[in-house]
Protein backbone atom coordinates (compact mmCIF):
# COMPACT_ATOMS: atom_id res chain seq x y z
CA MET A 1 0.00 0.00 0.00
CA ARG A 2 2.90 2.39 0.57
CA LEU A 3 3.86 2.11 -3.09
CA HIS A 4 0.24 2.65 -4.10
CA ASN A 5 -0.05 5.78 -1.94
CA LYS A 6 3.26 7.17 -3.18
CA LEU A 7 2.31 6.70 -6.82
CA ALA A 8 -1.12 8.24 -6.19
CA ALA A 9 0.44 11.22 -4.40
CA ILE A 10 2.90 11.78 -7.23
CA LEU A 11 0.20 11.62 -9.91
CA ILE A 12 -2.19 13.87 -7.95
CA ALA A 13 0.59 16.37 -7.18
CA MET A 14 1.54 16.55 -10.86
CA ALA A 15 -2.09 17.09 -11.87
CA ALA A 16 -2.62 19.67 -9.10
CA ILE A 17 0.46 21.65 -10.10
CA ILE A 18 -0.67 21.72 -13.72
CA LEU A 19 -4.19 22.79 -12.71
CA VAL A 20 -2.94 25.51 -10.34
CA LEU A 21 -0.63 26.94 -12.96
CA SER A 22 -3.32 26.86 -15.62
CA THR A 23 -5.93 28.40 -13.24
CA VAL A 24 -3.65 31.19 -12.06
CA SER A 25 -2.59 32.01 -15.60
CA THR A 26 -6.24 32.03 -16.70
CA LEU A 27 -7.33 34.36 -13.86
CA LEU A 28 -4.45 36.74 -14.45
CA SER A 29 -5.19 36.79 -18.15
CA ILE A 30 -8.90 37.54 -17.53
CA HIS A 31 -8.09 40.32 -15.09
CA TYR A 32 -5.51 41.84 -17.40
CA HIS A 33 -7.77 41.89 -20.44
CA LEU A 34 -10.71 43.35 -18.50
CA ARG A 35 -8.54 46.20 -17.21
CA LEU A 36 -7.21 46.74 -20.69
CA PHE A 37 -10.80 46.92 -21.94
CA ASN A 38 -11.72 49.48 -19.26
CA HIS A 39 -8.96 51.81 -20.45
CA GLN A 40 -10.37 51.82 -23.97
CA GLN A 41 -13.01 54.49 -23.06
CA PRO A 42 -13.99 55.65 -26.53
CA LEU A 43 -14.70 52.13 -27.62
CA HIS A 44 -16.70 50.92 -24.62
CA SER A 45 -18.70 54.15 -24.34
CA MET A 46 -19.97 53.47 -27.80
CA MET A 47 -20.95 49.96 -26.92
CA VAL A 48 -22.65 50.24 -23.53
CA ASP A 49 -23.97 52.80 -21.14
CA GLU A 50 -20.98 54.25 -19.25
CA ALA A 51 -22.89 54.33 -15.93
CA ASN A 52 -23.66 50.59 -16.06
CA PHE A 53 -20.24 49.45 -17.32
CA PRO A 54 -18.49 49.02 -13.92
CA ALA A 55 -21.22 46.65 -12.72
CA PHE A 56 -21.09 44.74 -16.00
CA ASP A 57 -17.33 44.58 -15.72
CA PHE A 58 -17.47 43.27 -12.13
CA HIS A 59 -20.10 40.58 -12.80
CA LEU A 60 -18.34 39.40 -15.94
CA GLU A 61 -15.08 39.03 -14.06
CA GLN A 62 -16.83 37.23 -11.17
CA ALA A 63 -18.49 34.80 -13.60
CA LEU A 64 -15.23 33.99 -15.29
CA VAL A 65 -13.39 33.57 -11.99
CA GLN A 66 -16.11 31.32 -10.51
CA SER A 67 -16.23 29.24 -13.69
CA THR A 68 -12.46 28.85 -13.66
CA LEU A 69 -12.39 27.90 -9.96
CA LEU A 70 -15.21 25.37 -10.37
CA THR A 71 -13.37 23.86 -13.33
CA PHE A 72 -10.23 23.70 -11.19
CA ILE A 73 -12.00 21.95 -8.28
CA GLY A 74 -13.77 19.47 -10.60
CA SER A 75 -10.57 18.72 -12.48
CA LEU A 76 -8.69 18.23 -9.22
CA MET A 77 -11.30 15.75 -7.97
CA ILE A 78 -11.12 13.84 -11.25
CA ALA A 79 -7.31 13.90 -11.04
CA VAL A 80 -7.49 12.42 -7.52
CA LEU A 81 -9.76 9.59 -8.66
CA ILE A 82 -7.69 8.89 -11.78
CA GLY A 83 -4.47 9.13 -9.75
CA PHE A 84 -5.59 6.49 -7.26
CA TYR A 85 -6.91 4.25 -10.05
CA VAL A 86 -3.74 4.48 -12.16
CA ALA A 87 -1.54 4.07 -9.08
CA ARG A 88 -3.42 0.93 -8.12
CA ARG A 89 -3.14 -0.48 -11.63
CA ILE A 90 0.61 0.17 -11.67
CA SER A 91 1.38 -0.86 -8.10
CA SER A 92 -0.79 -3.99 -7.89
CA PRO A 93 1.42 -6.20 -10.09
CA LEU A 94 4.55 -4.79 -8.43
CA VAL A 95 3.16 -5.54 -4.96
CA GLU A 96 2.15 -9.00 -6.16
CA MET A 97 5.66 -9.65 -7.51
CA LYS A 98 7.15 -8.39 -4.22
CA GLY A 99 4.99 -10.91 -2.35
CA ILE A 100 6.07 -13.69 -4.73
CA ALA A 101 9.74 -12.80 -4.23
CA GLU A 102 9.24 -12.90 -0.45
CA ARG A 103 7.58 -16.31 -0.70
CA MET A 104 10.45 -17.54 -2.84
CA ILE A 105 12.86 -16.45 -0.09
CA THR A 106 11.02 -18.76 2.30
CA GLY A 107 11.34 -21.65 -0.16
CA GLU A 108 7.98 -21.52 -1.96
CA TRP A 109 9.47 -22.09 -5.41
CA ASN A 110 6.08 -22.81 -7.00
CA SER A 111 4.95 -19.18 -6.63
CA ARG A 112 4.25 -17.51 -9.98
CA ALA A 113 3.11 -14.04 -11.03
CA ASN A 114 0.11 -13.47 -13.28
CA VAL A 115 1.27 -12.21 -16.68
CA LYS A 116 -1.25 -9.84 -18.29
CA GLY A 117 -0.58 -7.87 -21.44
CA LYS A 118 2.72 -7.26 -23.21
CA ASP A 119 4.00 -4.10 -21.51
CA GLU A 120 7.11 -3.73 -19.35
CA LEU A 121 5.30 -4.89 -16.20
CA ALA A 122 4.16 -8.05 -17.99
CA GLN A 123 7.73 -8.62 -19.16
CA LEU A 124 8.97 -8.13 -15.60
CA ALA A 125 6.42 -10.67 -14.34
CA SER A 126 7.47 -13.10 -17.06
CA SER A 127 11.15 -12.62 -16.14
CA LEU A 128 10.33 -13.22 -12.47
CA ASN A 129 8.51 -16.43 -13.38
CA GLY A 130 11.51 -17.56 -15.44
CA LEU A 131 13.80 -16.79 -12.52
CA ALA A 132 11.54 -18.76 -10.18
CA GLU A 133 11.61 -21.74 -12.54
CA GLN A 134 15.40 -21.65 -12.77
CA LEU A 135 15.76 -21.31 -9.00
CA GLN A 136 13.37 -24.20 -8.52
CA VAL A 137 15.43 -26.35 -10.89
CA GLN A 138 18.72 -25.31 -9.24
CA GLU A 139 17.32 -25.96 -5.77
CA GLN A 140 16.21 -29.43 -6.82
CA LEU A 141 19.63 -30.06 -8.39
CA ARG A 142 21.30 -28.87 -5.18
CA ILE A 143 19.20 -31.25 -3.12
CA ASN A 144 19.90 -34.06 -5.56
CA MET A 145 23.61 -33.25 -5.53
CA SER A 146 23.76 -33.42 -1.73
CA GLN A 147 21.94 -36.74 -1.79
CA ASP A 148 24.14 -38.04 -4.60
CA VAL A 149 27.39 -37.04 -2.89
CA ALA A 150 26.21 -38.78 0.28
CA HIS A 151 25.19 -41.85 -1.72
CA GLU A 152 28.42 -41.98 -3.72
CA LEU A 153 30.48 -41.78 -0.54
CA ARG A 154 28.25 -44.01 1.56
CA THR A 155 28.30 -47.02 -0.74
CA PRO A 156 32.08 -47.63 -0.90
CA LEU A 157 32.52 -46.67 2.76
CA ALA A 158 29.80 -49.10 3.84
CA THR A 159 31.38 -51.84 1.73
CA LEU A 160 34.82 -51.16 3.18
CA LYS A 161 33.40 -51.13 6.71
CA SER A 162 31.64 -54.46 6.27
CA HIS A 163 34.79 -56.01 4.77
CA MET A 164 36.97 -54.70 7.58
CA ILE A 165 34.55 -55.95 10.25
CA ALA A 166 34.44 -59.38 8.60
CA LEU A 167 38.24 -59.52 8.44
CA GLU A 168 38.62 -58.25 12.00
CA ASP A 169 36.14 -60.77 13.42
CA GLY A 170 37.74 -63.61 11.53
CA ILE A 171 34.62 -64.28 9.48
CA TRP A 172 36.65 -63.78 6.28
CA GLU A 173 40.12 -64.83 5.44
CA PRO A 174 42.23 -62.01 3.92
CA THR A 175 42.35 -63.59 0.47
CA PRO A 176 43.74 -61.67 -2.52
CA GLU A 177 40.25 -61.44 -4.01
CA ARG A 178 38.77 -59.79 -0.92
CA ILE A 179 41.70 -57.42 -0.55
CA HIS A 180 41.28 -56.50 -4.21
CA ALA A 181 37.58 -55.78 -3.60
CA CYS A 182 38.57 -53.36 -0.84
CA TYR A 183 41.13 -51.83 -3.18
CA GLU A 184 38.45 -51.24 -5.84
CA GLU A 185 36.21 -49.44 -3.34
CA ILE A 186 39.15 -47.24 -2.29
CA GLU A 187 39.80 -46.48 -5.96
CA ARG A 188 36.17 -45.43 -6.37
CA LEU A 189 36.53 -43.01 -3.48
CA ILE A 190 39.79 -41.62 -4.84
CA SER A 191 38.28 -41.21 -8.31
CA LEU A 192 35.21 -39.43 -6.93
CA VAL A 193 37.29 -37.05 -4.82
CA ALA A 194 39.59 -36.37 -7.79
CA GLU A 195 36.62 -35.54 -10.02
CA LEU A 196 35.19 -33.21 -7.39
CA GLU A 197 38.54 -31.49 -6.98
CA GLU A 198 38.86 -31.06 -10.74
CA LEU A 199 35.36 -29.65 -11.02
CA ASN A 200 36.01 -27.19 -8.20
CA TYR A 201 39.33 -26.23 -9.81
CA MET A 202 37.53 -25.45 -13.06
CA ASP A 203 35.18 -23.15 -11.17
CA SER A 204 38.08 -21.26 -9.60
CA PRO A 205 39.75 -18.15 -11.12
CA GLU A 206 43.07 -20.03 -11.23
CA PHE A 207 41.85 -22.43 -13.90
CA ARG A 208 43.72 -21.90 -17.18
CA LEU A 209 44.02 -23.89 -20.39
CA GLN A 210 47.37 -24.42 -22.09
CA LEU A 211 46.15 -23.19 -25.47
CA GLU A 212 48.16 -23.72 -28.64
CA LYS A 213 47.34 -23.75 -32.32
CA GLN A 214 47.09 -27.46 -33.17
CA SER A 215 45.44 -29.79 -35.64
CA LEU A 216 42.29 -31.52 -34.42
CA ALA A 217 42.90 -34.87 -36.16
CA PRO A 218 45.77 -36.08 -33.91
CA ALA A 219 43.66 -35.44 -30.80
CA ILE A 220 40.78 -37.51 -32.18
CA HIS A 221 43.08 -40.38 -33.14
CA LYS A 222 44.83 -40.25 -29.76
CA ALA A 223 41.47 -40.51 -27.99
CA ASN A 224 40.65 -43.46 -30.25
CA ASP A 225 43.86 -45.20 -29.20
CA ILE A 226 43.07 -44.70 -25.51
CA VAL A 227 39.59 -46.26 -25.63
CA ALA A 228 40.21 -48.85 -28.37
CA ALA A 229 40.94 -51.70 -25.94
CA ALA A 230 37.75 -51.07 -23.93
CA PHE A 231 35.67 -51.05 -27.11
CA LEU A 232 37.32 -54.27 -28.26
CA ASN A 233 36.64 -56.00 -24.93
CA LYS A 234 32.94 -55.15 -25.14
CA ASP A 235 32.72 -55.99 -28.86
CA VAL A 236 31.56 -52.48 -29.80
CA ARG A 237 32.82 -51.04 -33.09
CA LEU A 238 34.37 -47.57 -32.98
CA ASN A 239 34.29 -45.89 -36.38
CA ILE A 240 36.35 -42.73 -36.96
CA MET A 241 35.13 -40.99 -40.10
CA LEU A 242 37.38 -38.87 -42.28
CA VAL A 243 38.43 -35.92 -40.13
CA PRO A 244 39.06 -32.64 -41.99
CA ASN A 245 42.45 -31.02 -41.56
CA VAL A 246 41.48 -28.08 -39.36
CA ASN A 247 43.41 -26.11 -36.76
CA ILE A 248 41.93 -24.90 -33.50
CA GLN A 249 43.28 -23.08 -30.47
CA MET A 250 43.21 -25.88 -27.96
CA ASP A 251 44.68 -27.55 -24.93
CA PHE A 252 45.65 -30.90 -26.47
CA ASN A 253 45.29 -32.97 -23.29
CA ARG A 254 41.97 -31.36 -22.37
CA ILE A 255 40.50 -32.02 -25.83
CA ILE A 256 41.54 -35.66 -25.45
CA GLN A 257 39.88 -35.68 -22.01
CA ILE A 258 36.65 -34.38 -23.57
CA LEU A 259 36.65 -37.00 -26.31
CA VAL A 260 37.64 -39.91 -24.06
CA ASN A 261 34.94 -39.00 -21.55
CA ILE A 262 32.18 -38.89 -24.16
CA LEU A 263 33.43 -42.04 -25.89
CA THR A 264 33.55 -43.88 -22.57
CA ASN A 265 30.02 -42.70 -21.81
CA ALA A 266 28.88 -43.87 -25.25
CA LEU A 267 30.52 -47.27 -24.70
CA THR A 268 28.76 -47.68 -21.35
CA HIS A 269 25.35 -47.16 -22.91
CA THR A 270 25.92 -49.19 -26.09
CA GLN A 271 24.94 -52.85 -26.16
CA ILE A 272 27.38 -55.60 -27.07
CA GLY A 273 27.73 -55.72 -30.84
CA GLY A 274 26.73 -52.07 -31.25
CA GLN A 275 28.79 -49.25 -32.68
CA VAL A 276 29.91 -45.69 -31.98
CA ASP A 277 30.64 -43.27 -34.84
CA VAL A 278 32.88 -40.21 -34.63
CA ARG A 279 32.61 -37.66 -37.41
CA ALA A 280 33.96 -34.12 -37.82
CA GLU A 281 32.90 -31.57 -40.42
CA ILE A 282 33.39 -27.87 -41.04
CA GLN A 283 30.41 -25.54 -40.75
CA GLY A 284 31.38 -21.97 -41.44
CA GLU A 285 33.89 -20.79 -38.85
CA TYR A 286 33.45 -23.89 -36.69
CA VAL A 287 34.24 -27.56 -36.72
CA ILE A 288 31.47 -29.84 -35.47
CA ILE A 289 32.45 -33.15 -33.87
CA ASP A 290 29.57 -35.64 -33.73
CA ILE A 291 29.77 -38.71 -31.48
CA HIS A 292 26.84 -41.05 -32.14
CA ASP A 293 26.17 -44.32 -30.35
CA SER A 294 23.66 -47.04 -31.18
CA GLY A 295 22.38 -47.29 -27.62
CA PRO A 296 18.85 -46.62 -26.36
CA GLY A 297 19.36 -42.86 -26.24
CA ILE A 298 18.61 -40.46 -23.41
CA ALA A 299 15.18 -40.02 -21.87
CA SER A 300 13.60 -36.74 -23.03
CA GLU A 301 13.10 -35.56 -19.44
CA ASP A 302 16.83 -36.05 -18.79
CA LEU A 303 18.14 -34.18 -21.85
CA PRO A 304 18.05 -30.64 -20.32
CA TYR A 305 20.05 -31.76 -17.28
CA ILE A 306 22.51 -34.26 -18.72
CA PHE A 307 25.46 -31.87 -18.20
CA GLU A 308 24.55 -30.99 -14.60
CA ARG A 309 26.95 -32.29 -11.98
CA PHE A 310 25.85 -35.53 -10.31
CA TYR A 311 22.85 -35.80 -12.62
CA ARG A 312 22.20 -39.34 -13.83
CA GLY A 313 19.27 -40.68 -15.75
CA ASP A 314 19.49 -43.94 -13.84
CA LYS A 315 17.86 -42.96 -10.54
CA SER A 316 18.96 -46.26 -9.00
CA ARG A 317 22.58 -44.99 -9.14
CA ASN A 318 23.68 -48.37 -10.42
CA ARG A 319 27.41 -48.24 -11.17
CA LYS A 320 26.99 -50.58 -14.10
CA SER A 321 24.84 -48.01 -15.89
CA GLY A 322 27.16 -45.06 -15.43
CA GLY A 323 29.70 -43.25 -13.32
CA SER A 324 29.30 -40.60 -10.65
CA GLY A 325 27.56 -38.10 -12.93
CA ILE A 326 30.45 -35.62 -12.85
CA GLY A 327 32.18 -36.51 -16.11
CA LEU A 328 29.80 -34.71 -18.47
CA ALA A 329 29.78 -31.64 -16.21
CA ILE A 330 33.58 -31.52 -16.57
CA VAL A 331 33.25 -32.00 -20.33
CA LYS A 332 30.90 -29.03 -20.67
CA LYS A 333 33.18 -26.75 -18.66
CA LEU A 334 36.17 -27.75 -20.80
CA VAL A 335 34.27 -27.16 -24.04
CA LEU A 336 33.09 -23.74 -22.84
CA ALA A 337 36.65 -22.91 -21.81
CA HIS A 338 37.64 -23.52 -25.46
CA LYS A 339 34.93 -20.98 -26.49
CA GLY A 340 32.91 -23.84 -27.90
CA ALA A 341 29.50 -25.38 -27.28
CA ILE A 342 28.19 -28.87 -26.60
CA TRP A 343 24.70 -30.30 -26.78
CA VAL A 344 23.04 -33.69 -27.13
CA GLU A 345 19.98 -35.08 -28.87
CA ASN A 346 18.40 -38.42 -29.59
CA HIS A 347 18.82 -39.79 -33.10
CA ASN A 348 18.60 -43.59 -33.07
CA GLY A 349 20.78 -43.38 -29.98
CA ALA A 350 22.52 -40.52 -28.22
CA LEU A 351 24.16 -37.97 -30.53
CA PHE A 352 26.63 -35.54 -28.92
CA HIS A 353 27.64 -32.42 -30.84
CA ILE A 354 30.82 -30.50 -29.97
CA ARG A 355 31.35 -27.16 -31.73
CA LEU A 356 34.80 -25.55 -31.65
CA PRO A 357 35.99 -22.38 -33.41
CA ILE A 358 38.45 -22.79 -36.26
CA ILE A 359 41.53 -20.60 -36.68
CA ASP A 360 43.42 -20.16 -39.95
CA ASN A 361 44.31 -23.46 -41.55
CA GLN A 362 48.01 -22.84 -41.88
CA PRO A 363 50.26 -25.78 -40.87
CA ALA A 364 50.19 -26.51 -37.16
CA HIS A 365 51.97 -29.03 -34.97
């Protein structure tokens, strides 16, 4: 209501000032012209009886003044009514949006403003709704991330604890197989912590790429060499299409990390006997790297969040169906650091697109 009263007061004050100025100027003008008329004796003596002219002059001036004052009072009353009405129309959506913002502070992320019209207030309401939606998504992701971190740490720790208790109580003999199982759980913990550290490092101001002008083809073939054995063991074909000879400003090891991560992800979700295709082509000032697997694809509800940290389509968190959910988040940060873009779609399987800017195609190492 304070905003409503302030707006009404401003509008009424503006109207009152305009009316006062116009009324005063009108009264002064009337008085001036009547006095000027009185001084024109030859003219008015010809028009009216000179004895009756002062009374005529007085009543005429009184009529004009009263008419002007009544017009002023009526206009001021109308200005007050219009001022309060306009102030309410302007302030109501702002007050509503203020209330929504306050409810969002308390955690009511489902609050939305009513969008009416296409003016600036409607655009502000629409922007507030968009912000609420994003905050709701981020809050849910934060909750999921906390749960996922706890789950990822709890599982190997619980396994290690049970193994240690069994060994300590003499229930198990310390065979090489059981020791190796403990070693694998420790490796999972180390890998998870390392991924978290790397992700946090990428978010820090100290993160820098070692950029050099290099050809893209060697990086793709190096990534192929790294994952070739894993593809062979699972009987999944890895096809590298003809890669154009293009140069990009890149960190060679980080580009390999991007490719290996996506290829490993594709291998995980491709059935035995399937295939993964890698293709690169030039589109204007960019080179597009497509990595396409023959797996089941990604659920449509998961596509917008596939690059969020700890997000996994498999809600059971089964290790056989994927890793910790950090790898693709790291990939996206690395691609963005190269001034590129990455996105994914379903096309008879998952199809990842990586877009990187090309620099001049002079020979590079």
